[in-house]
Amino acid sequence: MASVRKTPSLDGKTLRFHFSDGPMKGKDFDHTFHGDKVDWGAAGSDKTTTSEGKLVKIGEDCYVGSYMGPNGYTLTTALNLASGKLFAFASDGKEWSEHNGTVKQVA
C-alpha cells in the first residue's frame, strides 16, 4: 500500500471551493489547511472558523481534505487541482449530502 502523507506544498495556501449543486449550490468558501487545522469561511470574508482537519496528497495534483465544524457538521472533499474538480460529502449527523463543484488556489 502506498504511503499517504500530508503535503507541505499546500500547507498555509488558501483553496476556494465553489459548489455547483447540493445545499450549498452557488456558494464559495475559502479553506486554508495548516497542520492538523483548517481555517474556513465564506469567500472574501474576514470571519473564519478554525476546525480540526487534514489535507493529504493522494496523487499528482489530487488531494483529500476533511474536517468537522464546531456544530458537528463534517465535510470530506476529493480535489483535483489540475482539472479544478471538487467532489464532497457533507453530514450534520442526521443527514448526508453530496456536492460537486470546483476548486482553485487563491492565495
Protein backbone atom coordinates (compact mmCIF):
# COMPACT_ATOMS: atom_id res chain seq x y z
CA MET A 1 0.00 0.00 0.00
CA ALA A 2 1.33 3.41 -0.93
CA SER A 3 2.18 5.81 1.84
CA VAL A 4 -0.22 8.71 2.25
CA ARG A 5 1.26 11.89 3.67
CA LYS A 6 0.30 15.46 4.31
CA THR A 7 1.69 17.67 1.61
CA PRO A 8 3.69 20.71 2.71
CA SER A 9 3.19 22.32 -0.73
CA LEU A 10 -0.39 23.38 0.13
CA ASP A 11 0.16 23.96 3.84
CA GLY A 12 -0.94 27.53 4.53
CA LYS A 13 -2.30 28.05 1.00
CA THR A 14 -5.91 29.14 0.53
CA LEU A 15 -8.19 26.99 -1.62
CA ARG A 16 -11.56 28.27 -2.82
CA PHE A 17 -14.34 25.70 -3.03
CA HIS A 18 -17.29 26.56 -5.30
CA PHE A 19 -20.31 24.29 -5.01
CA SER A 20 -22.41 23.79 -8.16
CA ASP A 21 -25.13 21.63 -6.58
CA GLY A 22 -26.50 20.44 -3.25
CA PRO A 23 -27.48 22.63 -0.30
CA MET A 24 -24.51 24.99 -0.85
CA LYS A 25 -25.19 25.46 -4.59
CA GLY A 26 -23.68 28.69 -5.91
CA LYS A 27 -21.66 29.41 -2.77
CA ASP A 28 -17.89 29.88 -2.42
CA PHE A 29 -15.85 29.05 0.68
CA ASP A 30 -12.16 29.61 1.36
CA HIS A 31 -10.17 26.90 3.16
CA THR A 32 -6.62 27.20 4.49
CA PHE A 33 -5.21 23.92 5.79
CA HIS A 34 -2.24 24.16 8.16
CA GLY A 35 -1.01 21.21 10.14
CA ASP A 36 -3.98 19.49 11.77
CA LYS A 37 -6.23 22.55 11.44
CA VAL A 38 -8.23 24.31 8.75
CA ASP A 39 -9.46 27.91 8.70
CA TRP A 40 -12.60 28.21 6.62
CA GLY A 41 -15.39 30.65 5.85
CA ALA A 42 -17.31 32.45 3.14
CA ALA A 43 -15.04 33.57 0.30
CA GLY A 44 -13.75 37.09 0.81
CA SER A 45 -14.98 37.33 4.40
CA ASP A 46 -12.73 38.27 7.30
CA LYS A 47 -14.77 35.93 9.53
CA THR A 48 -13.35 32.40 9.61
CA THR A 49 -13.77 29.32 11.74
CA THR A 50 -10.86 27.12 12.77
CA SER A 51 -11.56 23.39 12.95
CA GLU A 52 -9.54 20.23 13.34
CA GLY A 53 -8.90 18.89 9.87
CA LYS A 54 -6.38 17.47 7.47
CA LEU A 55 -5.40 17.68 3.81
CA VAL A 56 -3.46 14.76 2.30
CA LYS A 57 -1.98 14.29 -1.13
CA ILE A 58 -3.14 11.06 -2.77
CA GLY A 59 -1.69 11.57 -6.26
CA GLU A 60 -0.32 14.12 -8.68
CA ASP A 61 -2.41 17.30 -8.02
CA CYS A 62 -5.02 15.17 -6.18
CA TYR A 63 -5.92 15.62 -2.51
CA VAL A 64 -8.46 14.57 0.09
CA GLY A 65 -9.41 17.03 2.81
CA SER A 66 -11.72 16.53 5.76
CA TYR A 67 -12.83 18.45 8.83
CA MET A 68 -15.63 18.77 11.37
CA GLY A 69 -17.05 22.19 12.22
CA PRO A 70 -17.91 23.32 15.76
CA ASN A 71 -21.57 22.30 15.39
CA GLY A 72 -20.76 18.74 14.30
CA TYR A 73 -21.06 19.28 10.55
CA THR A 74 -18.46 17.33 8.58
CA LEU A 75 -17.08 17.92 5.10
CA THR A 76 -14.86 15.49 3.21
CA THR A 77 -13.59 16.57 -0.21
CA ALA A 78 -11.72 14.98 -3.09
CA LEU A 79 -9.85 17.67 -5.02
CA ASN A 80 -8.09 17.62 -8.38
CA LEU A 81 -6.18 20.88 -8.69
CA ALA A 82 -5.10 20.13 -12.28
CA SER A 83 -8.69 19.84 -13.52
CA GLY A 84 -10.21 22.13 -10.88
CA LYS A 85 -12.82 19.49 -9.95
CA LEU A 86 -14.15 19.01 -6.44
CA PHE A 87 -16.40 16.26 -5.09
CA ALA A 88 -17.56 16.40 -1.49
CA PHE A 89 -19.63 14.60 1.11
CA ALA A 90 -21.22 16.52 3.97
CA SER A 91 -23.13 15.46 7.06
CA ASP A 92 -24.73 17.12 10.04
CA GLY A 93 -25.01 13.86 11.98
CA LYS A 94 -28.59 13.36 10.79
CA GLU A 95 -28.50 13.92 7.04
CA TRP A 96 -25.86 13.20 4.41
CA SER A 97 -25.38 15.03 1.10
CA GLU A 98 -23.04 15.01 -1.86
CA HIS A 99 -21.72 18.06 -3.68
CA ASN A 100 -19.94 18.74 -6.97
CA GLY A 101 -18.01 21.87 -7.72
CA THR A 102 -14.69 23.44 -8.46
CA VAL A 103 -11.53 24.22 -6.53
CA LYS A 104 -8.75 26.71 -7.15
CA GLN A 105 -5.82 28.06 -5.20
CA VAL A 106 -6.39 31.76 -4.44
CA ALA A 107 -3.50 32.57 -2.09
